[in-house]
Amino acid sequence: MDGGDGNRAYGHQTFTRSGSHFTDRITADGRDGRPVQEGRYRLVVSRACPWASRAVISRRLLGLEGGLSTAVADPVQDDRSWPFTLDPGGRDPVLGIRFLSEAYDRREAGHPGGVSVPAVVDVPSGRLVTNDHQRLTLDPATEWTALHRTGAPDLYPAGRRAEIDRVMAEVYEDVNNGVYRAGFATRRKEYEEACAGVFRRLELIAGRLAGRRYLVGDTLTEADIRLFTTLVRFDAVYHGHFKCNRWELTENPVLWVYARDLFQTPGSGDTVDFDHIKRHCYQVHTGINPTGIVPLGPDLSGWSAPHHREELGGRPFGDGTPPGPVPPGERVAPEGRPA
């Protein structure tokens, strides 16, 4: 069963992550037969999943709420896939389905690779369009510009894409995916290699961020979003649940203030639901946590503490502006927020 954190498959020894099976792109010119069109598509996410959280943050920063609606699945899924039990009657009010797998099956019966989030569904047909989590943030940033809000930031600036791509590839291999390779390892050697890789890369990143506010340039980019969705989950689930416990995020003086800076940036931390994150990992990953008990900690109050990263300069939104308030129907419940 898909773990909900992208597509995953793991054997007796080594965790591997399968590629996205459905990779249709939604573009401004519709060259793949999927043109950008206001209201035509629905983004299906789980707030528990770091890959989906990237898409949620990007959508909010770009102001796509009016052009791309969102369905939030229950963080605890079963062998029927992601359920819409958070909605009245247990059905998504727009797509009319109980499980995300229904949209996948309408696209291709017997499809390989499991049912993953994030996913985009074509509203008129109810069929899945794409579950390509790599493009599900890059395309909204570059192809959906006609629907961006006034003052939307450039999250993937053309002049810095080569550097952004390089940084994202390093972060993905060792950190984003590395914590899962450590957590799902079934042999000591694979675990030790993955865990060592996580912390080796985090220490290199900390060195990079010691004198600069953001990973690439002086503004928030896609690279920061992809690192943030792992860092914000680190102490809550990866440190204990995935045994990535050489140190906690709160013990790293650079990464902890960097993560708090991003968390306190409008459009980023206001999308985070710690309750969903913890319940998914501790209740769904029964091979790691067979009791299903969700821990009480960690203390989340520190996320609201001052970070002083603004002293390094930088402008989070570049020449743009912060997004407005979270729409009422998309606000994270109090139990999922720091006190």
C-alpha atoms as a PDB file:
ATOM      1  CA  MET A   1       0.000   0.000   0.000  1.00  0.00           C
ATOM      2  CA  ASP A   2       1.247   3.461  -0.818  1.00  0.00           C
ATOM      3  CA  GLY A   3       2.642   5.119   2.283  1.00  0.00           C
ATOM      4  CA  GLY A   4       1.222   8.445   1.265  1.00  0.00           C
ATOM      5  CA  ASP A   5       4.570  10.167   0.987  1.00  0.00           C
ATOM      6  CA  GLY A   6       4.922   9.837  -2.760  1.00  0.00           C
ATOM      7  CA  ASN A   7       5.072   6.475  -4.504  1.00  0.00           C
ATOM      8  CA  ARG A   8       7.029   3.925  -2.561  1.00  0.00           C
ATOM      9  CA  ALA A   9       7.950   0.306  -2.842  1.00  0.00           C
ATOM     10  CA  TYR A  10      10.384  -1.507  -0.623  1.00  0.00           C
ATOM     11  CA  GLY A  11      11.694  -5.025  -0.613  1.00  0.00           C
ATOM     12  CA  HIS A  12      13.400  -7.108   2.025  1.00  0.00           C
ATOM     13  CA  GLN A  13      16.500  -4.979   2.185  1.00  0.00           C
ATOM     14  CA  THR A  14      16.373  -1.630   0.472  1.00  0.00           C
ATOM     15  CA  PHE A  15      13.728   1.063   0.169  1.00  0.00           C
ATOM     16  CA  THR A  16      13.161   2.351  -3.366  1.00  0.00           C
ATOM     17  CA  ARG A  17      10.747   5.000  -4.592  1.00  0.00           C
ATOM     18  CA  SER A  18       8.986   4.343  -7.863  1.00  0.00           C
ATOM     19  CA  GLY A  19       8.519   7.051 -10.440  1.00  0.00           C
ATOM     20  CA  SER A  20       5.193   8.724 -11.099  1.00  0.00           C
ATOM     21  CA  HIS A  21       3.115   6.683 -13.552  1.00  0.00           C
ATOM     22  CA  PHE A  22       0.880   9.511 -14.768  1.00  0.00           C
ATOM     23  CA  THR A  23       2.950  12.440 -15.979  1.00  0.00           C
ATOM     24  CA  ASP A  24       0.637  14.514 -18.180  1.00  0.00           C
ATOM     25  CA  ARG A  25       1.490  18.188 -17.905  1.00  0.00           C
ATOM     26  CA  ILE A  26      -0.972  21.044 -17.600  1.00  0.00           C
ATOM     27  CA  THR A  27       0.514  23.906 -19.605  1.00  0.00           C
ATOM     28  CA  ALA A  28      -0.365  27.386 -20.779  1.00  0.00           C
ATOM     29  CA  ASP A  29      -0.522  26.301 -24.431  1.00  0.00           C
ATOM     30  CA  GLY A  30      -2.073  22.889 -23.740  1.00  0.00           C
ATOM     31  CA  ARG A  31       0.627  21.141 -25.775  1.00  0.00           C
ATOM     32  CA  ASP A  32      -0.027  17.870 -23.923  1.00  0.00           C
ATOM     33  CA  GLY A  33      -3.762  18.237 -24.356  1.00  0.00           C
ATOM     34  CA  ARG A  34      -4.172  19.704 -20.876  1.00  0.00           C
ATOM     35  CA  PRO A  35      -4.461  23.499 -21.035  1.00  0.00           C
ATOM     36  CA  VAL A  36      -4.445  25.661 -17.931  1.00  0.00           C
ATOM     37  CA  GLN A  37      -8.055  26.560 -17.292  1.00  0.00           C
ATOM     38  CA  GLU A  38      -9.575  28.152 -14.234  1.00  0.00           C
ATOM     39  CA  GLY A  39     -11.704  25.705 -12.243  1.00  0.00           C
ATOM     40  CA  ARG A  40     -11.105  22.721 -14.516  1.00  0.00           C
ATOM     41  CA  TYR A  41      -8.742  20.816 -12.224  1.00  0.00           C
ATOM     42  CA  ARG A  42      -8.764  19.740  -8.601  1.00  0.00           C
ATOM     43  CA  LEU A  43      -5.595  19.216  -6.569  1.00  0.00           C
ATOM     44  CA  VAL A  44      -5.903  16.277  -4.178  1.00  0.00           C
ATOM     45  CA  VAL A  45      -3.528  16.322  -1.229  1.00  0.00           C
ATOM     46  CA  SER A  46      -2.887  15.008   2.222  1.00  0.00           C
ATOM     47  CA  ARG A  47      -1.457  17.468   4.708  1.00  0.00           C
ATOM     48  CA  ALA A  48       0.525  14.541   6.090  1.00  0.00           C
ATOM     49  CA  CYS A  49       2.539  14.021   2.912  1.00  0.00           C
ATOM     50  CA  PRO A  50       5.649  16.172   2.334  1.00  0.00           C
ATOM     51  CA  TRP A  51       5.360  15.859  -1.449  1.00  0.00           C
ATOM     52  CA  ALA A  52       1.752  17.056  -1.333  1.00  0.00           C
ATOM     53  CA  SER A  53       2.658  19.805   1.117  1.00  0.00           C
ATOM     54  CA  ARG A  54       5.003  21.292  -1.481  1.00  0.00           C
ATOM     55  CA  ALA A  55       2.059  21.657  -3.855  1.00  0.00           C
ATOM     56  CA  VAL A  56      -0.108  23.183  -1.119  1.00  0.00           C
ATOM     57  CA  ILE A  57       2.526  25.783  -0.254  1.00  0.00           C
ATOM     58  CA  SER A  58       3.224  26.637  -3.892  1.00  0.00           C
ATOM     59  CA  ARG A  59      -0.496  27.025  -4.640  1.00  0.00           C
ATOM     60  CA  ARG A  60      -0.946  29.368  -1.698  1.00  0.00           C
ATOM     61  CA  LEU A  61       2.137  31.488  -2.396  1.00  0.00           C
ATOM     62  CA  LEU A  62       1.113  31.876  -6.044  1.00  0.00           C
ATOM     63  CA  GLY A  63      -2.482  32.682  -5.155  1.00  0.00           C
ATOM     64  CA  LEU A  64      -4.032  29.868  -7.165  1.00  0.00           C
ATOM     65  CA  GLU A  65      -6.852  29.204  -4.711  1.00  0.00           C
ATOM     66  CA  GLY A  66      -9.420  30.605  -7.141  1.00  0.00           C
ATOM     67  CA  GLY A  67      -8.097  28.735 -10.159  1.00  0.00           C
ATOM     68  CA  LEU A  68      -7.181  25.351  -8.696  1.00  0.00           C
ATOM     69  CA  SER A  69      -9.450  23.924  -6.020  1.00  0.00           C
ATOM     70  CA  THR A  70      -8.125  21.538  -3.389  1.00  0.00           C
ATOM     71  CA  ALA A  71      -9.392  18.329  -1.825  1.00  0.00           C
ATOM     72  CA  VAL A  72      -7.794  17.314   1.472  1.00  0.00           C
ATOM     73  CA  ALA A  73      -7.835  13.593   2.178  1.00  0.00           C
ATOM     74  CA  ASP A  74      -7.925  11.954   5.587  1.00  0.00           C
ATOM     75  CA  PRO A  75      -4.356  11.402   6.850  1.00  0.00           C
ATOM     76  CA  VAL A  76      -5.105   7.769   7.709  1.00  0.00           C
ATOM     77  CA  GLN A  77      -5.778   5.633   4.657  1.00  0.00           C
ATOM     78  CA  ASP A  78      -6.376   1.928   4.186  1.00  0.00           C
ATOM     79  CA  ASP A  79      -5.917  -0.530   1.329  1.00  0.00           C
ATOM     80  CA  ARG A  80      -8.616   1.299  -0.638  1.00  0.00           C
ATOM     81  CA  SER A  81      -6.358   4.388  -0.784  1.00  0.00           C
ATOM     82  CA  TRP A  82      -6.884   7.940   0.440  1.00  0.00           C
ATOM     83  CA  PRO A  83     -10.446   8.485   1.755  1.00  0.00           C
ATOM     84  CA  PHE A  84     -12.407  11.730   1.820  1.00  0.00           C
ATOM     85  CA  THR A  85     -13.796  11.123   5.292  1.00  0.00           C
ATOM     86  CA  LEU A  86     -13.051  14.723   6.289  1.00  0.00           C
ATOM     87  CA  ASP A  87     -15.892  15.835   4.000  1.00  0.00           C
ATOM     88  CA  PRO A  88     -19.617  15.538   4.768  1.00  0.00           C
ATOM     89  CA  GLY A  89     -20.895  12.102   3.845  1.00  0.00           C
ATOM     90  CA  GLY A  90     -17.360  10.861   3.246  1.00  0.00           C
ATOM     91  CA  ARG A  91     -17.338  12.126  -0.355  1.00  0.00           C
ATOM     92  CA  ASP A  92     -15.337  14.858  -2.002  1.00  0.00           C
ATOM     93  CA  PRO A  93     -17.954  17.567  -2.674  1.00  0.00           C
ATOM     94  CA  VAL A  94     -16.593  18.395  -6.140  1.00  0.00           C
ATOM     95  CA  LEU A  95     -15.533  15.009  -7.512  1.00  0.00           C
ATOM     96  CA  GLY A  96     -18.227  13.021  -5.712  1.00  0.00           C
ATOM     97  CA  ILE A  97     -15.867  10.153  -4.888  1.00  0.00           C
ATOM     98  CA  ARG A  98     -15.107   8.401  -1.609  1.00  0.00           C
ATOM     99  CA  PHE A  99     -11.525   7.369  -2.419  1.00  0.00           C
ATOM    100  CA  LEU A 100      -8.837   8.881  -4.596  1.00  0.00           C
ATOM    101  CA  SER A 101      -8.386   5.465  -6.222  1.00  0.00           C
ATOM    102  CA  GLU A 102     -11.686   6.035  -8.054  1.00  0.00           C
ATOM    103  CA  ALA A 103     -10.108   8.855 -10.074  1.00  0.00           C
ATOM    104  CA  TYR A 104      -7.064   6.685 -10.790  1.00  0.00           C
ATOM    105  CA  ASP A 105      -9.264   3.792 -11.943  1.00  0.00           C
ATOM    106  CA  ARG A 106     -11.231   6.069 -14.252  1.00  0.00           C
ATOM    107  CA  ARG A 107      -7.947   6.991 -15.899  1.00  0.00           C
ATOM    108  CA  GLU A 108      -6.501   3.471 -16.120  1.00  0.00           C
ATOM    109  CA  ALA A 109      -7.851   0.270 -14.633  1.00  0.00           C
ATOM    110  CA  GLY A 110      -5.164  -1.862 -13.025  1.00  0.00           C
ATOM    111  CA  HIS A 111      -2.618   0.953 -13.088  1.00  0.00           C
ATOM    112  CA  PRO A 112       0.772   0.253 -11.463  1.00  0.00           C
ATOM    113  CA  GLY A 113       2.496   2.210  -8.727  1.00  0.00           C
ATOM    114  CA  GLY A 114      -0.230   2.637  -6.140  1.00  0.00           C
ATOM    115  CA  VAL A 115      -2.400   5.675  -5.406  1.00  0.00           C
ATOM    116  CA  SER A 116      -0.298   8.622  -4.351  1.00  0.00           C
ATOM    117  CA  VAL A 117      -0.709  12.271  -3.492  1.00  0.00           C
ATOM    118  CA  PRO A 118      -0.380  14.948  -4.685  1.00  0.00           C
ATOM    119  CA  ALA A 119      -2.601  14.280  -7.653  1.00  0.00           C
ATOM    120  CA  VAL A 120      -4.545  16.458 -10.050  1.00  0.00           C
ATOM    121  CA  VAL A 121      -7.952  15.320 -11.277  1.00  0.00           C
ATOM    122  CA  ASP A 122      -9.866  16.647 -14.270  1.00  0.00           C
ATOM    123  CA  VAL A 123     -13.170  17.809 -12.768  1.00  0.00           C
ATOM    124  CA  PRO A 124     -15.481  17.305 -15.797  1.00  0.00           C
ATOM    125  CA  SER A 125     -14.386  13.704 -16.411  1.00  0.00           C
ATOM    126  CA  GLY A 126     -13.359  12.763 -12.863  1.00  0.00           C
ATOM    127  CA  ARG A 127     -10.185  11.204 -14.250  1.00  0.00           C
ATOM    128  CA  LEU A 128      -6.700  11.554 -12.880  1.00  0.00           C
ATOM    129  CA  VAL A 129      -4.459  13.862 -14.907  1.00  0.00           C
ATOM    130  CA  THR A 130      -1.110  13.571 -13.146  1.00  0.00           C
ATOM    131  CA  ASN A 131       0.580  12.351  -9.980  1.00  0.00           C
ATOM    132  CA  ASP A 132       3.996  13.708 -10.982  1.00  0.00           C
ATOM    133  CA  HIS A 133       5.002  15.377  -7.730  1.00  0.00           C
ATOM    134  CA  GLN A 134       8.113  16.887  -9.336  1.00  0.00           C
ATOM    135  CA  ARG A 135       6.112  18.865 -11.922  1.00  0.00           C
ATOM    136  CA  LEU A 136       3.157  19.574  -9.629  1.00  0.00           C
ATOM    137  CA  THR A 137       5.001  22.557  -8.199  1.00  0.00           C
ATOM    138  CA  LEU A 138       7.212  23.593 -11.108  1.00  0.00           C
ATOM    139  CA  ASP A 139       4.374  23.840 -13.643  1.00  0.00           C
ATOM    140  CA  PRO A 140       2.090  25.982 -11.462  1.00  0.00           C
ATOM    141  CA  ALA A 141       5.048  28.336 -10.965  1.00  0.00           C
ATOM    142  CA  THR A 142       5.873  28.604 -14.678  1.00  0.00           C
ATOM    143  CA  GLU A 143       2.833  27.567 -16.731  1.00  0.00           C
ATOM    144  CA  TRP A 144      -0.027  28.899 -14.614  1.00  0.00           C
ATOM    145  CA  THR A 145       1.125  32.527 -14.548  1.00  0.00           C
ATOM    146  CA  ALA A 146      -2.113  33.800 -16.093  1.00  0.00           C
ATOM    147  CA  LEU A 147      -3.922  32.692 -12.926  1.00  0.00           C
ATOM    148  CA  HIS A 148      -1.326  33.917 -10.411  1.00  0.00           C
ATOM    149  CA  ARG A 149      -2.342  36.541  -7.901  1.00  0.00           C
ATOM    150  CA  THR A 150      -1.002  40.060  -8.268  1.00  0.00           C
ATOM    151  CA  GLY A 151       2.315  40.128  -6.428  1.00  0.00           C
ATOM    152  CA  ALA A 152       2.958  36.385  -6.683  1.00  0.00           C
ATOM    153  CA  PRO A 153       6.635  35.522  -6.140  1.00  0.00           C
ATOM    154  CA  ASP A 154       8.796  33.900  -8.795  1.00  0.00           C
ATOM    155  CA  LEU A 155       9.517  30.555  -7.141  1.00  0.00           C
ATOM    156  CA  TYR A 156      11.530  29.180 -10.069  1.00  0.00           C
ATOM    157  CA  PRO A 157      13.356  32.162 -11.597  1.00  0.00           C
ATOM    158  CA  ALA A 158      14.737  31.417 -15.053  1.00  0.00           C
ATOM    159  CA  GLY A 159      18.187  32.799 -14.342  1.00  0.00           C
ATOM    160  CA  ARG A 160      18.723  30.526 -11.340  1.00  0.00           C
ATOM    161  CA  ARG A 161      17.069  27.292 -12.453  1.00  0.00           C
ATOM    162  CA  ALA A 162      20.294  25.371 -12.992  1.00  0.00           C
ATOM    163  CA  GLU A 163      21.426  26.107  -9.432  1.00  0.00           C
ATOM    164  CA  ILE A 164      17.976  25.455  -8.000  1.00  0.00           C
ATOM    165  CA  ASP A 165      17.797  22.110  -9.830  1.00  0.00           C
ATOM    166  CA  ARG A 166      21.214  21.078  -8.518  1.00  0.00           C
ATOM    167  CA  VAL A 167      20.366  21.978  -4.921  1.00  0.00           C
ATOM    168  CA  MET A 168      16.973  20.263  -5.144  1.00  0.00           C
ATOM    169  CA  ALA A 169      18.553  17.086  -6.525  1.00  0.00           C
ATOM    170  CA  GLU A 170      20.996  16.934  -3.604  1.00  0.00           C
ATOM    171  CA  VAL A 171      18.265  17.633  -1.067  1.00  0.00           C
ATOM    172  CA  TYR A 172      15.967  15.041  -2.613  1.00  0.00           C
ATOM    173  CA  GLU A 173      18.490  12.232  -2.727  1.00  0.00           C
ATOM    174  CA  ASP A 174      19.938  12.602   0.754  1.00  0.00           C
ATOM    175  CA  VAL A 175      17.234  14.353   2.782  1.00  0.00           C
ATOM    176  CA  ASN A 176      13.718  14.225   1.291  1.00  0.00           C
ATOM    177  CA  ASN A 177      14.083  10.605   0.244  1.00  0.00           C
ATOM    178  CA  GLY A 178      16.917   9.758   2.617  1.00  0.00           C
ATOM    179  CA  VAL A 179      14.759   9.826   5.726  1.00  0.00           C
ATOM    180  CA  TYR A 180      12.444   7.254   4.121  1.00  0.00           C
ATOM    181  CA  ARG A 181      15.320   5.018   3.084  1.00  0.00           C
ATOM    182  CA  ALA A 182      16.483   5.091   6.698  1.00  0.00           C
ATOM    183  CA  GLY A 183      13.009   4.602   8.163  1.00  0.00           C
ATOM    184  CA  PHE A 184      11.990   1.688   5.966  1.00  0.00           C
ATOM    185  CA  ALA A 185      15.357  -0.064   5.885  1.00  0.00           C
ATOM    186  CA  THR A 186      15.201  -3.695   7.002  1.00  0.00           C
ATOM    187  CA  ARG A 187      18.937  -4.283   7.189  1.00  0.00           C
ATOM    188  CA  ARG A 188      21.421  -2.483   9.415  1.00  0.00           C
ATOM    189  CA  LYS A 189      23.801  -1.572   6.592  1.00  0.00           C
ATOM    190  CA  GLU A 190      21.112   0.148   4.505  1.00  0.00           C
ATOM    191  CA  TYR A 191      19.823   2.019   7.534  1.00  0.00           C
ATOM    192  CA  GLU A 192      23.269   3.252   8.587  1.00  0.00           C
ATOM    193  CA  GLU A 193      24.151   4.417   5.074  1.00  0.00           C
ATOM    194  CA  ALA A 194      20.878   6.291   4.650  1.00  0.00           C
ATOM    195  CA  CYS A 195      20.941   7.849   8.105  1.00  0.00           C
ATOM    196  CA  ALA A 196      24.557   8.956   7.712  1.00  0.00           C
ATOM    197  CA  GLY A 197      23.658  10.477   4.342  1.00  0.00           C
ATOM    198  CA  VAL A 198      20.784  12.454   5.856  1.00  0.00           C
ATOM    199  CA  PHE A 199      22.949  14.117   8.471  1.00  0.00           C
ATOM    200  CA  ARG A 200      25.944  14.604   6.198  1.00  0.00           C
ATOM    201  CA  ARG A 201      23.753  16.539   3.766  1.00  0.00           C
ATOM    202  CA  LEU A 202      22.001  18.478   6.523  1.00  0.00           C
ATOM    203  CA  GLU A 203      25.356  19.616   7.870  1.00  0.00           C
ATOM    204  CA  LEU A 204      26.418  20.759   4.407  1.00  0.00           C
ATOM    205  CA  ILE A 205      23.132  22.629   4.017  1.00  0.00           C
ATOM    206  CA  ALA A 206      23.612  24.253   7.416  1.00  0.00           C
ATOM    207  CA  GLY A 207      27.011  25.470   6.270  1.00  0.00           C
ATOM    208  CA  ARG A 208      25.453  26.921   3.124  1.00  0.00           C
ATOM    209  CA  LEU A 209      22.738  28.705   5.129  1.00  0.00           C
ATOM    210  CA  ALA A 210      24.984  30.051   7.878  1.00  0.00           C
ATOM    211  CA  GLY A 211      25.530  33.330   6.069  1.00  0.00           C
ATOM    212  CA  ARG A 212      22.577  33.487   3.696  1.00  0.00           C
ATOM    213  CA  ARG A 213      18.856  33.512   4.307  1.00  0.00           C
ATOM    214  CA  TYR A 214      17.750  31.245   1.445  1.00  0.00           C
ATOM    215  CA  LEU A 215      19.243  28.330  -0.436  1.00  0.00           C
ATOM    216  CA  VAL A 216      19.498  30.064  -3.817  1.00  0.00           C
ATOM    217  CA  GLY A 217      19.650  33.820  -4.263  1.00  0.00           C
ATOM    218  CA  ASP A 218      18.030  36.246  -1.858  1.00  0.00           C
ATOM    219  CA  THR A 219      14.403  35.122  -2.236  1.00  0.00           C
ATOM    220  CA  LEU A 220      12.286  32.121  -1.384  1.00  0.00           C
ATOM    221  CA  THR A 221      12.408  29.532  -4.177  1.00  0.00           C
ATOM    222  CA  GLU A 222      11.228  26.030  -4.915  1.00  0.00           C
ATOM    223  CA  ALA A 223      14.447  24.719  -3.345  1.00  0.00           C
ATOM    224  CA  ASP A 224      13.496  26.164   0.050  1.00  0.00           C
ATOM    225  CA  ILE A 225       9.978  24.763  -0.161  1.00  0.00           C
ATOM    226  CA  ARG A 226      11.271  21.252  -0.827  1.00  0.00           C
ATOM    227  CA  LEU A 227      13.728  21.362   2.066  1.00  0.00           C
ATOM    228  CA  PHE A 228      11.180  22.922   4.426  1.00  0.00           C
ATOM    229  CA  THR A 229       8.605  20.151   4.055  1.00  0.00           C
ATOM    230  CA  THR A 230      11.169  17.671   5.383  1.00  0.00           C
ATOM    231  CA  LEU A 231      12.549  19.925   8.116  1.00  0.00           C
ATOM    232  CA  VAL A 232       9.112  20.730   9.498  1.00  0.00           C
ATOM    233  CA  ARG A 233       8.462  16.992   9.943  1.00  0.00           C
ATOM    234  CA  PHE A 234      11.888  16.139  11.289  1.00  0.00           C
ATOM    235  CA  ASP A 235      11.442  16.212  15.046  1.00  0.00           C
ATOM    236  CA  ALA A 236       7.762  15.236  14.903  1.00  0.00           C
ATOM    237  CA  VAL A 237       8.251  11.987  12.978  1.00  0.00           C
ATOM    238  CA  TYR A 238      11.611  11.430  11.293  1.00  0.00           C
ATOM    239  CA  HIS A 239      13.777  11.698  14.406  1.00  0.00           C
ATOM    240  CA  GLY A 240      11.993   8.958  16.343  1.00  0.00           C
ATOM    241  CA  HIS A 241       9.728   7.113  13.910  1.00  0.00           C
ATOM    242  CA  PHE A 242      12.375   6.834  11.166  1.00  0.00           C
ATOM    243  CA  LYS A 243      15.318   6.577  13.578  1.00  0.00           C
ATOM    244  CA  CYS A 244      17.076   9.625  12.132  1.00  0.00           C
ATOM    245  CA  ASN A 245      18.181  10.556  15.630  1.00  0.00           C
ATOM    246  CA  ARG A 246      21.775  11.727  15.591  1.00  0.00           C
ATOM    247  CA  TRP A 247      20.374  15.098  16.588  1.00  0.00           C
ATOM    248  CA  GLU A 248      17.057  16.928  16.563  1.00  0.00           C
ATOM    249  CA  LEU A 249      16.336  19.866  14.325  1.00  0.00           C
ATOM    250  CA  THR A 250      16.056  22.058  17.412  1.00  0.00           C
ATOM    251  CA  GLU A 251      19.681  21.205  18.238  1.00  0.00           C
ATOM    252  CA  ASN A 252      21.057  22.614  15.001  1.00  0.00           C
ATOM    253  CA  PRO A 253      21.449  26.376  15.471  1.00  0.00           C
ATOM    254  CA  VAL A 254      21.318  27.199  11.758  1.00  0.00           C
ATOM    255  CA  LEU A 255      18.645  24.833  10.462  1.00  0.00           C
ATOM    256  CA  TRP A 256      16.324  25.442  13.399  1.00  0.00           C
ATOM    257  CA  VAL A 257      16.167  29.209  12.860  1.00  0.00           C
ATOM    258  CA  TYR A 258      16.013  28.737   9.071  1.00  0.00           C
ATOM    259  CA  ALA A 259      13.050  26.377   9.435  1.00  0.00           C
ATOM    260  CA  ARG A 260      11.323  28.787  11.826  1.00  0.00           C
ATOM    261  CA  ASP A 261      11.848  31.623   9.361  1.00  0.00           C
ATOM    262  CA  LEU A 262      10.106  29.641   6.634  1.00  0.00           C
ATOM    263  CA  PHE A 263       7.401  28.438   9.018  1.00  0.00           C
ATOM    264  CA  GLN A 264       6.581  32.024   9.952  1.00  0.00           C
ATOM    265  CA  THR A 265       6.521  33.161   6.321  1.00  0.00           C
ATOM    266  CA  PRO A 266       2.890  33.632   5.194  1.00  0.00           C
ATOM    267  CA  GLY A 267       1.844  30.865   2.862  1.00  0.00           C
ATOM    268  CA  SER A 268       4.241  28.297   4.282  1.00  0.00           C
ATOM    269  CA  GLY A 269       3.771  27.439   7.947  1.00  0.00           C
ATOM    270  CA  ASP A 270       0.059  28.262   7.849  1.00  0.00           C
ATOM    271  CA  THR A 271      -0.423  25.154   5.683  1.00  0.00           C
ATOM    272  CA  VAL A 272       1.278  22.749   8.138  1.00  0.00           C
ATOM    273  CA  ASP A 273      -0.882  20.316  10.112  1.00  0.00           C
ATOM    274  CA  PHE A 274       1.198  18.509  12.733  1.00  0.00           C
ATOM    275  CA  ASP A 275      -1.774  16.399  13.811  1.00  0.00           C
ATOM    276  CA  HIS A 276      -2.184  14.978  10.303  1.00  0.00           C
ATOM    277  CA  ILE A 277       1.572  14.445   9.958  1.00  0.00           C
ATOM    278  CA  LYS A 278       1.865  12.465  13.177  1.00  0.00           C
ATOM    279  CA  ARG A 279      -1.319  10.440  12.803  1.00  0.00           C
ATOM    280  CA  HIS A 280      -0.446   9.341   9.299  1.00  0.00           C
ATOM    281  CA  CYS A 281       3.075   8.182  10.051  1.00  0.00           C
ATOM    282  CA  TYR A 282       2.400   6.516  13.378  1.00  0.00           C
ATOM    283  CA  GLN A 283      -0.936   4.914  12.442  1.00  0.00           C
ATOM    284  CA  VAL A 284      -0.335   3.925   8.801  1.00  0.00           C
ATOM    285  CA  HIS A 285       3.261   2.724   8.963  1.00  0.00           C
ATOM    286  CA  THR A 286       2.357  -0.315  11.042  1.00  0.00           C
ATOM    287  CA  GLY A 287       5.477  -2.172  10.006  1.00  0.00           C
ATOM    288  CA  ILE A 288       7.479   0.426  11.928  1.00  0.00           C
ATOM    289  CA  ASN A 289       4.966   1.260  14.661  1.00  0.00           C
ATOM    290  CA  PRO A 290       2.729  -1.820  15.126  1.00  0.00           C
ATOM    291  CA  THR A 291       0.911  -0.414  18.175  1.00  0.00           C
ATOM    292  CA  GLY A 292      -0.395   2.578  16.246  1.00  0.00           C
ATOM    293  CA  ILE A 293       0.203   4.801  19.273  1.00  0.00           C
ATOM    294  CA  VAL A 294       0.762   8.443  18.320  1.00  0.00           C
ATOM    295  CA  PRO A 295       3.290  10.139  20.651  1.00  0.00           C
ATOM    296  CA  LEU A 296       2.336  13.225  22.622  1.00  0.00           C
ATOM    297  CA  GLY A 297       5.408  15.235  21.682  1.00  0.00           C
ATOM    298  CA  PRO A 298       7.350  17.066  20.584  1.00  0.00           C
ATOM    299  CA  ASP A 299       6.608  20.499  22.020  1.00  0.00           C
ATOM    300  CA  LEU A 300       5.646  22.688  19.064  1.00  0.00           C
ATOM    301  CA  SER A 301       5.693  26.062  20.806  1.00  0.00           C
ATOM    302  CA  GLY A 302       9.211  26.849  19.593  1.00  0.00           C
ATOM    303  CA  TRP A 303       8.033  27.229  16.006  1.00  0.00           C
ATOM    304  CA  SER A 304       6.649  30.639  16.906  1.00  0.00           C
ATOM    305  CA  ALA A 305       9.841  31.918  18.573  1.00  0.00           C
ATOM    306  CA  PRO A 306      11.727  34.822  16.926  1.00  0.00           C
ATOM    307  CA  HIS A 307      14.333  33.695  14.390  1.00  0.00           C
ATOM    308  CA  HIS A 308      16.153  36.953  13.501  1.00  0.00           C
ATOM    309  CA  ARG A 309      17.030  35.583  10.048  1.00  0.00           C
ATOM    310  CA  GLU A 310      15.879  38.860   8.516  1.00  0.00           C
ATOM    311  CA  GLU A 311      19.207  40.275   9.705  1.00  0.00           C
ATOM    312  CA  LEU A 312      20.841  38.320   6.870  1.00  0.00           C
ATOM    313  CA  GLY A 313      18.873  40.365   4.344  1.00  0.00           C
ATOM    314  CA  GLY A 314      16.906  38.772   1.573  1.00  0.00           C
ATOM    315  CA  ARG A 315      13.306  39.325   0.549  1.00  0.00           C
ATOM    316  CA  PRO A 316      11.071  36.270   0.833  1.00  0.00           C
ATOM    317  CA  PHE A 317       8.753  37.351  -1.992  1.00  0.00           C
ATOM    318  CA  GLY A 318      11.274  39.274  -4.088  1.00  0.00           C
ATOM    319  CA  ASP A 319       9.453  42.101  -5.850  1.00  0.00           C
ATOM    320  CA  GLY A 320       6.131  40.501  -4.922  1.00  0.00           C
ATOM    321  CA  THR A 321       3.978  40.555  -1.826  1.00  0.00           C
ATOM    322  CA  PRO A 322       2.843  38.084   0.854  1.00  0.00           C
ATOM    323  CA  PRO A 323      -0.305  36.090   0.184  1.00  0.00           C
ATOM    324  CA  GLY A 324      -3.493  37.148   1.918  1.00  0.00           C
ATOM    325  CA  PRO A 325      -5.192  35.330   4.796  1.00  0.00           C
ATOM    326  CA  VAL A 326      -5.860  31.616   4.482  1.00  0.00           C
ATOM    327  CA  PRO A 327      -9.350  31.056   3.028  1.00  0.00           C
ATOM    328  CA  PRO A 328     -11.741  29.954   5.825  1.00  0.00           C
ATOM    329  CA  GLY A 329     -12.331  26.495   4.373  1.00  0.00           C
ATOM    330  CA  GLU A 330      -8.595  25.777   4.137  1.00  0.00           C
ATOM    331  CA  ARG A 331      -7.436  26.751   7.623  1.00  0.00           C
ATOM    332  CA  VAL A 332      -5.576  24.135   9.643  1.00  0.00           C
ATOM    333  CA  ALA A 333      -7.510  22.984  12.716  1.00  0.00           C
ATOM    334  CA  PRO A 334      -6.188  24.187  16.102  1.00  0.00           C
ATOM    335  CA  GLU A 335      -5.023  20.714  17.120  1.00  0.00           C
ATOM    336  CA  GLY A 336      -2.648  20.723  14.166  1.00  0.00           C
ATOM    337  CA  ARG A 337      -1.031  24.064  15.019  1.00  0.00           C
ATOM    338  CA  PRO A 338       1.634  25.110  17.540  1.00  0.00           C
ATOM    339  CA  ALA A 339       0.218  26.476  20.769  1.00  0.00           C
END
